[in-house]
Amino acid sequence: MLDDAQVNPFIEDGFVRIDGAFSRETAAECRDLIWRDMDAAPDDPATWPRPWRDSGTMRKRRSRPRPTRCFCMPRSTFS
């Protein structure tokens, strides 16, 4: 469960850092898969994808109202 200190940055930035969520070994495996899938090498910048350009989509998305709270209620609440 995320607390308010984690939810707010997630809403603002689209990600949240959770220390210890998985092992260093798992992170290394995922990193290797990402480089492989991009057909790029971490030590060869010439193979890296070009920087992504914001075509205004993110600005449009961020102009929408943001939720202030997310919560779940037990199903029995509605019966």
PDB file of N, CA and C in Angstrom:
ATOM      1  N   MET A   1       0.843  -1.178   0.000  1.00  0.00           N
ATOM      2  CA  MET A   1       0.000   0.000   0.000  1.00  0.00           C
ATOM      3  C   MET A   1       0.889   1.243   0.000  1.00  0.00           C
ATOM      4  N   LEU A   2       0.553   2.205  -0.818  1.00  0.00           N
ATOM      5  CA  LEU A   2       1.316   3.449  -0.873  1.00  0.00           C
ATOM      6  C   LEU A   2       0.738   4.455   0.107  1.00  0.00           C
ATOM      7  N   ASP A   3       1.614   5.247   0.725  1.00  0.00           N
ATOM      8  CA  ASP A   3       1.136   6.321   1.594  1.00  0.00           C
ATOM      9  C   ASP A   3       1.058   7.616   0.782  1.00  0.00           C
ATOM     10  N   ASP A   4       0.543   8.676   1.386  1.00  0.00           N
ATOM     11  CA  ASP A   4       0.381   9.953   0.662  1.00  0.00           C
ATOM     12  C   ASP A   4       1.700  10.471   0.110  1.00  0.00           C
ATOM     13  N   ALA A   5       2.793  10.243   0.839  1.00  0.00           N
ATOM     14  CA  ALA A   5       4.102  10.711   0.379  1.00  0.00           C
ATOM     15  C   ALA A   5       4.536   9.993  -0.893  1.00  0.00           C
ATOM     16  N   GLN A   6       3.984   8.813  -1.163  1.00  0.00           N
ATOM     17  CA  GLN A   6       4.304   8.081  -2.388  1.00  0.00           C
ATOM     18  C   GLN A   6       3.261   8.308  -3.468  1.00  0.00           C
ATOM     19  N   VAL A   7       1.998   8.461  -3.095  1.00  0.00           N
ATOM     20  CA  VAL A   7       0.920   8.627  -4.069  1.00  0.00           C
ATOM     21  C   VAL A   7       1.050   9.959  -4.804  1.00  0.00           C
ATOM     22  N   ASN A   8       1.308  11.025  -4.085  1.00  0.00           N
ATOM     23  CA  ASN A   8       1.376  12.347  -4.726  1.00  0.00           C
ATOM     24  C   ASN A   8       2.458  12.428  -5.794  1.00  0.00           C
ATOM     25  N   PRO A   9       3.696  11.978  -5.527  1.00  0.00           N
ATOM     26  CA  PRO A   9       4.683  11.979  -6.608  1.00  0.00           C
ATOM     27  C   PRO A   9       4.290  11.065  -7.773  1.00  0.00           C
ATOM     28  N   PHE A  10       3.609   9.953  -7.465  1.00  0.00           N
ATOM     29  CA  PHE A  10       3.159   9.072  -8.543  1.00  0.00           C
ATOM     30  C   PHE A  10       2.186   9.810  -9.460  1.00  0.00           C
ATOM     31  N   ILE A  11       1.263  10.538  -8.883  1.00  0.00           N
ATOM     32  CA  ILE A  11       0.284  11.292  -9.674  1.00  0.00           C
ATOM     33  C   ILE A  11       0.997  12.372 -10.487  1.00  0.00           C
ATOM     34  N   GLU A  12       1.962  13.037  -9.883  1.00  0.00           N
ATOM     35  CA  GLU A  12       2.690  14.112 -10.561  1.00  0.00           C
ATOM     36  C   GLU A  12       3.635  13.600 -11.645  1.00  0.00           C
ATOM     37  N   ASP A  13       4.391  12.546 -11.325  1.00  0.00           N
ATOM     38  CA  ASP A  13       5.483  12.109 -12.186  1.00  0.00           C
ATOM     39  C   ASP A  13       5.209  10.841 -12.977  1.00  0.00           C
ATOM     40  N   GLY A  14       4.210  10.066 -12.570  1.00  0.00           N
ATOM     41  CA  GLY A  14       3.888   8.834 -13.282  1.00  0.00           C
ATOM     42  C   GLY A  14       4.659   7.619 -12.822  1.00  0.00           C
ATOM     43  N   PHE A  15       5.460   7.761 -11.779  1.00  0.00           N
ATOM     44  CA  PHE A  15       6.179   6.612 -11.220  1.00  0.00           C
ATOM     45  C   PHE A  15       6.429   6.874  -9.743  1.00  0.00           C
ATOM     46  N   VAL A  16       6.739   5.816  -9.022  1.00  0.00           N
ATOM     47  CA  VAL A  16       7.106   5.935  -7.613  1.00  0.00           C
ATOM     48  C   VAL A  16       8.248   4.966  -7.341  1.00  0.00           C
ATOM     49  N   ARG A  17       9.196   5.391  -6.545  1.00  0.00           N
ATOM     50  CA  ARG A  17      10.323   4.537  -6.171  1.00  0.00           C
ATOM     51  C   ARG A  17       9.958   3.777  -4.899  1.00  0.00           C
ATOM     52  N   ILE A  18      10.119   2.472  -4.949  1.00  0.00           N
ATOM     53  CA  ILE A  18       9.855   1.636  -3.780  1.00  0.00           C
ATOM     54  C   ILE A  18      11.120   0.829  -3.519  1.00  0.00           C
ATOM     55  N   ASP A  19      11.915   1.278  -2.554  1.00  0.00           N
ATOM     56  CA  ASP A  19      13.163   0.595  -2.232  1.00  0.00           C
ATOM     57  C   ASP A  19      12.883  -0.824  -1.758  1.00  0.00           C
ATOM     58  N   GLY A  20      13.682  -1.767  -2.222  1.00  0.00           N
ATOM     59  CA  GLY A  20      13.578  -3.152  -1.794  1.00  0.00           C
ATOM     60  C   GLY A  20      12.411  -3.918  -2.404  1.00  0.00           C
ATOM     61  N   ALA A  21      11.784  -3.387  -3.462  1.00  0.00           N
ATOM     62  CA  ALA A  21      10.634  -4.052  -4.074  1.00  0.00           C
ATOM     63  C   ALA A  21      11.032  -5.373  -4.728  1.00  0.00           C
ATOM     64  N   PHE A  22      12.280  -5.461  -5.201  1.00  0.00           N
ATOM     65  CA  PHE A  22      12.796  -6.697  -5.785  1.00  0.00           C
ATOM     66  C   PHE A  22      14.314  -6.692  -5.629  1.00  0.00           C
ATOM     67  N   SER A  23      14.918  -7.826  -5.864  1.00  0.00           N
ATOM     68  CA  SER A  23      16.360  -7.989  -5.640  1.00  0.00           C
ATOM     69  C   SER A  23      17.186  -7.297  -6.727  1.00  0.00           C
ATOM     70  N   ARG A  24      18.459  -7.081  -6.416  1.00  0.00           N
ATOM     71  CA  ARG A  24      19.394  -6.511  -7.397  1.00  0.00           C
ATOM     72  C   ARG A  24      19.525  -7.447  -8.608  1.00  0.00           C
ATOM     73  N   GLU A  25      19.456  -8.754  -8.348  1.00  0.00           N
ATOM     74  CA  GLU A  25      19.565  -9.724  -9.437  1.00  0.00           C
ATOM     75  C   GLU A  25      18.395  -9.580 -10.409  1.00  0.00           C
ATOM     76  N   THR A  26      17.197  -9.420  -9.868  1.00  0.00           N
ATOM     77  CA  THR A  26      16.016  -9.232 -10.716  1.00  0.00           C
ATOM     78  C   THR A  26      16.136  -7.941 -11.512  1.00  0.00           C
ATOM     79  N   ALA A  27      16.619  -6.882 -10.864  1.00  0.00           N
ATOM     80  CA  ALA A  27      16.809  -5.596 -11.559  1.00  0.00           C
ATOM     81  C   ALA A  27      17.802  -5.757 -12.710  1.00  0.00           C
ATOM     82  N   ALA A  28      18.886  -6.486 -12.475  1.00  0.00           N
ATOM     83  CA  ALA A  28      19.893  -6.698 -13.520  1.00  0.00           C
ATOM     84  C   ALA A  28      19.303  -7.488 -14.685  1.00  0.00           C
ATOM     85  N   GLU A  29      18.514  -8.516 -14.387  1.00  0.00           N
ATOM     86  CA  GLU A  29      17.878  -9.303 -15.452  1.00  0.00           C
ATOM     87  C   GLU A  29      16.939  -8.433 -16.282  1.00  0.00           C
ATOM     88  N   CYS A  30      16.155  -7.610 -15.607  1.00  0.00           N
ATOM     89  CA  CYS A  30      15.218  -6.717 -16.321  1.00  0.00           C
ATOM     90  C   CYS A  30      15.975  -5.715 -17.180  1.00  0.00           C
ATOM     91  N   ARG A  31      17.041  -5.146 -16.615  1.00  0.00           N
ATOM     92  CA  ARG A  31      17.851  -4.185 -17.364  1.00  0.00           C
ATOM     93  C   ARG A  31      18.419  -4.837 -18.621  1.00  0.00           C
ATOM     94  N   ASP A  32      18.929  -6.059 -18.482  1.00  0.00           N
ATOM     95  CA  ASP A  32      19.468  -6.775 -19.655  1.00  0.00           C
ATOM     96  C   ASP A  32      18.389  -6.999 -20.714  1.00  0.00           C
ATOM     97  N   LEU A  33      17.191  -7.372 -20.274  1.00  0.00           N
ATOM     98  CA  LEU A  33      16.082  -7.586 -21.219  1.00  0.00           C
ATOM     99  C   LEU A  33      15.703  -6.300 -21.948  1.00  0.00           C
ATOM    100  N   ILE A  34      15.685  -5.195 -21.218  1.00  0.00           N
ATOM    101  CA  ILE A  34      15.331  -3.906 -21.839  1.00  0.00           C
ATOM    102  C   ILE A  34      16.350  -3.530 -22.899  1.00  0.00           C
ATOM    103  N   TRP A  35      17.654  -3.636 -22.572  1.00  0.00           N
ATOM    104  CA  TRP A  35      18.682  -3.311 -23.563  1.00  0.00           C
ATOM    105  C   TRP A  35      18.564  -4.225 -24.773  1.00  0.00           C
ATOM    106  N   ARG A  36      18.315  -5.524 -24.530  1.00  0.00           N
ATOM    107  CA  ARG A  36      18.176  -6.471 -25.632  1.00  0.00           C
ATOM    108  C   ARG A  36      16.980  -6.103 -26.508  1.00  0.00           C
ATOM    109  N   ASP A  37      15.838  -5.821 -25.872  1.00  0.00           N
ATOM    110  CA  ASP A  37      14.626  -5.501 -26.636  1.00  0.00           C
ATOM    111  C   ASP A  37      14.753  -4.193 -27.417  1.00  0.00           C
ATOM    112  N   MET A  38      15.598  -3.278 -26.939  1.00  0.00           N
ATOM    113  CA  MET A  38      15.824  -2.027 -27.673  1.00  0.00           C
ATOM    114  C   MET A  38      16.885  -2.209 -28.752  1.00  0.00           C
ATOM    115  N   ASP A  39      17.480  -3.416 -28.796  1.00  0.00           N
ATOM    116  CA  ASP A  39      18.562  -3.688 -29.731  1.00  0.00           C
ATOM    117  C   ASP A  39      19.665  -2.647 -29.574  1.00  0.00           C
ATOM    118  N   ALA A  40      20.033  -2.416 -28.300  1.00  0.00           N
ATOM    119  CA  ALA A  40      21.038  -1.416 -27.978  1.00  0.00           C
ATOM    120  C   ALA A  40      21.996  -1.994 -26.942  1.00  0.00           C
ATOM    121  N   ALA A  41      23.145  -1.324 -26.780  1.00  0.00           N
ATOM    122  CA  ALA A  41      24.147  -1.745 -25.801  1.00  0.00           C
ATOM    123  C   ALA A  41      24.385  -0.613 -24.812  1.00  0.00           C
ATOM    124  N   PRO A  42      24.380  -0.916 -23.506  1.00  0.00           N
ATOM    125  CA  PRO A  42      24.547   0.145 -22.514  1.00  0.00           C
ATOM    126  C   PRO A  42      25.882   0.874 -22.610  1.00  0.00           C
ATOM    127  N   ASP A  43      26.900   0.211 -23.156  1.00  0.00           N
ATOM    128  CA  ASP A  43      28.225   0.828 -23.265  1.00  0.00           C
ATOM    129  C   ASP A  43      28.506   1.414 -24.657  1.00  0.00           C
ATOM    130  N   ASP A  44      27.477   1.492 -25.497  1.00  0.00           N
ATOM    131  CA  ASP A  44      27.653   2.025 -26.856  1.00  0.00           C
ATOM    132  C   ASP A  44      26.541   3.024 -27.184  1.00  0.00           C
ATOM    133  N   PRO A  45      26.751   4.309 -26.837  1.00  0.00           N
ATOM    134  CA  PRO A  45      25.711   5.321 -27.061  1.00  0.00           C
ATOM    135  C   PRO A  45      25.221   5.411 -28.503  1.00  0.00           C
ATOM    136  N   ALA A  46      26.020   4.989 -29.451  1.00  0.00           N
ATOM    137  CA  ALA A  46      25.594   5.038 -30.855  1.00  0.00           C
ATOM    138  C   ALA A  46      24.394   4.118 -31.102  1.00  0.00           C
ATOM    139  N   THR A  47      24.209   3.117 -30.246  1.00  0.00           N
ATOM    140  CA  THR A  47      23.094   2.181 -30.425  1.00  0.00           C
ATOM    141  C   THR A  47      21.842   2.606 -29.653  1.00  0.00           C
ATOM    142  N   TRP A  48      21.953   3.639 -28.832  1.00  0.00           N
ATOM    143  CA  TRP A  48      20.827   4.059 -27.998  1.00  0.00           C
ATOM    144  C   TRP A  48      19.729   4.689 -28.836  1.00  0.00           C
ATOM    145  N   PRO A  49      18.469   4.497 -28.451  1.00  0.00           N
ATOM    146  CA  PRO A  49      17.366   5.156 -29.168  1.00  0.00           C
ATOM    147  C   PRO A  49      17.477   6.672 -29.027  1.00  0.00           C
ATOM    148  N   ARG A  50      16.956   7.359 -30.013  1.00  0.00           N
ATOM    149  CA  ARG A  50      16.946   8.823 -29.941  1.00  0.00           C
ATOM    150  C   ARG A  50      16.039   9.286 -28.805  1.00  0.00           C
ATOM    151  N   PRO A  51      16.306  10.471 -28.238  1.00  0.00           N
ATOM    152  CA  PRO A  51      15.453  10.980 -27.156  1.00  0.00           C
ATOM    153  C   PRO A  51      14.006  11.105 -27.608  1.00  0.00           C
ATOM    154  N   TRP A  52      13.115  10.845 -26.699  1.00  0.00           N
ATOM    155  CA  TRP A  52      11.688  10.959 -26.958  1.00  0.00           C
ATOM    156  C   TRP A  52      11.286  12.420 -26.912  1.00  0.00           C
ATOM    157  N   ARG A  53      10.407  12.827 -27.822  1.00  0.00           N
ATOM    158  CA  ARG A  53       9.916  14.204 -27.845  1.00  0.00           C
ATOM    159  C   ARG A  53       8.474  14.240 -27.419  1.00  0.00           C
ATOM    160  N   ASP A  54       8.152  15.176 -26.556  1.00  0.00           N
ATOM    161  CA  ASP A  54       6.770  15.350 -26.115  1.00  0.00           C
ATOM    162  C   ASP A  54       6.022  16.134 -27.179  1.00  0.00           C
ATOM    163  N   SER A  55       5.007  15.513 -27.754  1.00  0.00           N
ATOM    164  CA  SER A  55       4.219  16.181 -28.793  1.00  0.00           C
ATOM    165  C   SER A  55       3.055  16.960 -28.182  1.00  0.00           C
ATOM    166  N   GLY A  56       3.121  17.182 -26.880  1.00  0.00           N
ATOM    167  CA  GLY A  56       2.050  17.901 -26.207  1.00  0.00           C
ATOM    168  C   GLY A  56       1.090  16.974 -25.486  1.00  0.00           C
ATOM    169  N   THR A  57       1.226  15.674 -25.692  1.00  0.00           N
ATOM    170  CA  THR A  57       0.322  14.714 -25.072  1.00  0.00           C
ATOM    171  C   THR A  57       0.390  14.786 -23.559  1.00  0.00           C
ATOM    172  N   MET A  58       1.597  14.822 -23.012  1.00  0.00           N
ATOM    173  CA  MET A  58       1.747  14.841 -21.554  1.00  0.00           C
ATOM    174  C   MET A  58       1.171  16.135 -20.983  1.00  0.00           C
ATOM    175  N   ARG A  59       1.392  17.240 -21.650  1.00  0.00           N
ATOM    176  CA  ARG A  59       0.839  18.504 -21.143  1.00  0.00           C
ATOM    177  C   ARG A  59      -0.679  18.451 -21.142  1.00  0.00           C
ATOM    178  N   LYS A  60      -1.260  17.868 -22.186  1.00  0.00           N
ATOM    179  CA  LYS A  60      -2.722  17.761 -22.235  1.00  0.00           C
ATOM    180  C   LYS A  60      -3.220  16.865 -21.112  1.00  0.00           C
ATOM    181  N   ARG A  61      -2.530  15.737 -20.905  1.00  0.00           N
ATOM    182  CA  ARG A  61      -2.931  14.820 -19.852  1.00  0.00           C
ATOM    183  C   ARG A  61      -2.850  15.475 -18.489  1.00  0.00           C
ATOM    184  N   ARG A  62      -1.809  16.239 -18.252  1.00  0.00           N
ATOM    185  CA  ARG A  62      -1.623  16.857 -16.940  1.00  0.00           C
ATOM    186  C   ARG A  62      -2.590  18.005 -16.683  1.00  0.00           C
ATOM    187  N   SER A  63      -3.245  18.499 -17.718  1.00  0.00           N
ATOM    188  CA  SER A  63      -4.177  19.599 -17.495  1.00  0.00           C
ATOM    189  C   SER A  63      -5.508  19.103 -16.950  1.00  0.00           C
ATOM    190  N   ARG A  64      -5.716  17.774 -16.972  1.00  0.00           N
ATOM    191  CA  ARG A  64      -6.945  17.225 -16.410  1.00  0.00           C
ATOM    192  C   ARG A  64      -6.890  17.269 -14.893  1.00  0.00           C
ATOM    193  N   PRO A  65      -8.051  17.320 -14.242  1.00  0.00           N
ATOM    194  CA  PRO A  65      -8.036  17.301 -12.778  1.00  0.00           C
ATOM    195  C   PRO A  65      -7.423  16.000 -12.276  1.00  0.00           C
ATOM    196  N   ARG A  66      -6.678  16.106 -11.202  1.00  0.00           N
ATOM    197  CA  ARG A  66      -6.038  14.934 -10.623  1.00  0.00           C
ATOM    198  C   ARG A  66      -6.862  14.404  -9.463  1.00  0.00           C
ATOM    199  N   PRO A  67      -6.902  13.083  -9.315  1.00  0.00           N
ATOM    200  CA  PRO A  67      -7.630  12.550  -8.165  1.00  0.00           C
ATOM    201  C   PRO A  67      -6.902  12.923  -6.881  1.00  0.00           C
ATOM    202  N   THR A  68      -7.650  13.131  -5.814  1.00  0.00           N
ATOM    203  CA  THR A  68      -7.022  13.459  -4.544  1.00  0.00           C
ATOM    204  C   THR A  68      -6.881  12.236  -3.661  1.00  0.00           C
ATOM    205  N   ARG A  69      -7.718  11.243  -3.845  1.00  0.00           N
ATOM    206  CA  ARG A  69      -7.648  10.017  -3.043  1.00  0.00           C
ATOM    207  C   ARG A  69      -8.097   8.825  -3.869  1.00  0.00           C
ATOM    208  N   CYS A  70      -7.497   7.696  -3.626  1.00  0.00           N
ATOM    209  CA  CYS A  70      -7.949   6.434  -4.190  1.00  0.00           C
ATOM    210  C   CYS A  70      -8.211   5.514  -3.012  1.00  0.00           C
ATOM    211  N   PHE A  71      -9.313   4.841  -3.029  1.00  0.00           N
ATOM    212  CA  PHE A  71      -9.602   3.935  -1.928  1.00  0.00           C
ATOM    213  C   PHE A  71     -10.489   2.805  -2.401  1.00  0.00           C
ATOM    214  N   CYS A  72     -10.524   1.748  -1.622  1.00  0.00           N
ATOM    215  CA  CYS A  72     -11.357   0.600  -1.913  1.00  0.00           C
ATOM    216  C   CYS A  72     -12.282   0.378  -0.734  1.00  0.00           C
ATOM    217  N   MET A  73     -13.486  -0.056  -1.017  1.00  0.00           N
ATOM    218  CA  MET A  73     -14.443  -0.347   0.039  1.00  0.00           C
ATOM    219  C   MET A  73     -14.832  -1.803  -0.061  1.00  0.00           C
ATOM    220  N   PRO A  74     -15.090  -2.465   1.091  1.00  0.00           N
ATOM    221  CA  PRO A  74     -15.536  -3.848   1.032  1.00  0.00           C
ATOM    222  C   PRO A  74     -16.846  -3.967   0.293  1.00  0.00           C
ATOM    223  N   ARG A  75     -17.024  -5.075  -0.431  1.00  0.00           N
ATOM    224  CA  ARG A  75     -18.233  -5.314  -1.202  1.00  0.00           C
ATOM    225  C   ARG A  75     -19.475  -5.239  -0.311  1.00  0.00           C
ATOM    226  N   SER A  76     -19.360  -5.659   0.952  1.00  0.00           N
ATOM    227  CA  SER A  76     -20.502  -5.663   1.876  1.00  0.00           C
ATOM    228  C   SER A  76     -21.045  -4.261   2.122  1.00  0.00           C
ATOM    229  N   THR A  77     -20.250  -3.234   1.859  1.00  0.00           N
ATOM    230  CA  THR A  77     -20.689  -1.860   2.039  1.00  0.00           C
ATOM    231  C   THR A  77     -21.882  -1.528   1.134  1.00  0.00           C
ATOM    232  N   PHE A  78     -21.944  -2.165  -0.037  1.00  0.00           N
ATOM    233  CA  PHE A  78     -22.968  -1.845  -1.023  1.00  0.00           C
ATOM    234  C   PHE A  78     -24.198  -2.725  -0.944  1.00  0.00           C
ATOM    235  N   SER A  79     -24.235  -3.686  -0.020  1.00  0.00           N
ATOM    236  CA  SER A  79     -25.398  -4.580   0.044  1.00  0.00           C
ATOM    237  C   SER A  79     -26.385  -4.157   1.107  1.00  0.00           C
TER     238      SER A  79
END
